[in-house]
Amino acid sequence: MRHANDADLDRLEPLLGRVRDIDGLKEPRRGNFVHRSRAFLHFHGDGDRLYADVRLDGVEFARRDVTESAEQAALVADIRACIGRA
């Protein structure tokens, strides 16, 4: 498993755009998001699969498959719910 490269992030651009629209998140580097000055979300690639490491519980990163659009939509919904609770 490797950190997402530019080609991976290009594939994720629709997802990145939806995440950028969430108030409370900042993107200091493309594909790396912080919430309240703490690392919150970044991406990995493994073969043809793409993954998000996201800290929805505020403590530990959890790895989520985001290769498919349904998985991406679920991630955005979970992030919105998490940020809304914060």
Protein backbone atom coordinates (compact mmCIF):
# COMPACT_ATOMS: atom_id res chain seq x y z
CA MET A 1 0.00 0.00 0.00
CA ARG A 2 1.36 3.41 -0.95
CA HIS A 3 0.27 6.98 -0.46
CA ALA A 4 -1.89 8.22 -3.31
CA ASN A 5 0.03 9.76 -6.19
CA ASP A 6 -1.16 12.43 -8.60
CA ALA A 7 -2.76 9.87 -10.93
CA ASP A 8 -4.70 8.38 -8.01
CA LEU A 9 -5.85 11.80 -6.88
CA ASP A 10 -6.92 12.62 -10.43
CA ARG A 11 -9.21 9.57 -10.29
CA LEU A 12 -10.56 10.83 -6.95
CA GLU A 13 -11.09 14.43 -8.05
CA PRO A 14 -14.92 14.26 -7.92
CA LEU A 15 -14.66 12.94 -4.35
CA LEU A 16 -12.05 15.55 -3.43
CA GLY A 17 -14.37 18.28 -4.71
CA ARG A 18 -17.20 17.08 -2.48
CA VAL A 19 -14.89 16.88 0.53
CA ARG A 20 -13.56 20.39 -0.17
CA ASP A 21 -17.16 21.66 0.11
CA ILE A 22 -17.46 20.46 3.72
CA ASP A 23 -17.10 23.35 6.16
CA GLY A 24 -14.50 22.73 8.83
CA LEU A 25 -11.99 20.87 6.67
CA LYS A 26 -8.85 22.39 5.19
CA GLU A 27 -6.66 20.90 2.48
CA PRO A 28 -3.06 22.03 3.06
CA ARG A 29 -1.84 19.62 0.35
CA ARG A 30 -3.90 18.06 -2.39
CA GLY A 31 -5.69 15.02 -0.98
CA ASN A 32 -4.68 15.68 2.64
CA PHE A 33 -7.34 17.19 4.86
CA VAL A 34 -7.18 18.48 8.41
CA HIS A 35 -9.92 19.23 10.91
CA ARG A 36 -9.16 21.56 13.78
CA SER A 37 -5.43 21.48 12.95
CA ARG A 38 -5.30 17.68 13.16
CA ALA A 39 -4.82 15.23 10.30
CA PHE A 40 -8.25 13.94 9.33
CA LEU A 41 -8.24 12.37 5.85
CA HIS A 42 -5.71 11.17 3.28
CA PHE A 43 -5.61 8.59 0.52
CA HIS A 44 -3.72 5.48 -0.54
CA GLY A 45 -3.51 3.34 -3.64
CA ASP A 46 -2.99 -0.38 -3.96
CA GLY A 47 -3.11 -1.74 -7.49
CA ASP A 48 -6.35 -0.48 -9.03
CA ARG A 49 -8.01 0.09 -5.63
CA LEU A 50 -8.14 3.43 -3.83
CA TYR A 51 -8.50 3.86 -0.09
CA ALA A 52 -9.18 6.68 2.35
CA ASP A 53 -7.73 6.81 5.84
CA VAL A 54 -10.17 8.89 7.85
CA ARG A 55 -10.33 9.73 11.55
CA LEU A 56 -14.11 9.66 12.05
CA ASP A 57 -13.85 8.84 15.75
CA GLY A 58 -11.37 11.66 16.36
CA VAL A 59 -8.71 9.22 17.53
CA GLU A 60 -7.76 6.42 15.12
CA PHE A 61 -7.59 6.34 11.35
CA ALA A 62 -9.89 3.80 9.74
CA ARG A 63 -9.23 2.62 6.20
CA ARG A 64 -12.15 2.76 3.76
CA ASP A 65 -12.27 1.53 0.18
CA VAL A 66 -13.28 4.49 -2.03
CA THR A 67 -12.74 2.99 -5.47
CA GLU A 68 -16.44 2.98 -6.40
CA SER A 69 -18.78 5.97 -6.47
CA ALA A 70 -21.16 4.42 -3.89
CA GLU A 71 -18.24 4.01 -1.47
CA GLN A 72 -17.25 7.62 -2.08
CA ALA A 73 -20.79 8.84 -1.41
CA ALA A 74 -20.90 6.86 1.85
CA LEU A 75 -17.58 8.38 2.93
CA VAL A 76 -18.81 11.92 2.26
CA ALA A 77 -22.01 11.24 4.24
CA ASP A 78 -19.99 9.86 7.16
CA ILE A 79 -17.61 12.83 7.11
CA ARG A 80 -20.54 15.28 7.09
CA ALA A 81 -22.09 13.47 10.06
CA CYS A 82 -18.75 13.45 11.91
CA ILE A 83 -18.00 17.13 11.31
CA GLY A 84 -21.57 18.03 12.27
CA ARG A 85 -21.06 16.38 15.67
CA ALA A 86 -17.74 18.13 16.30
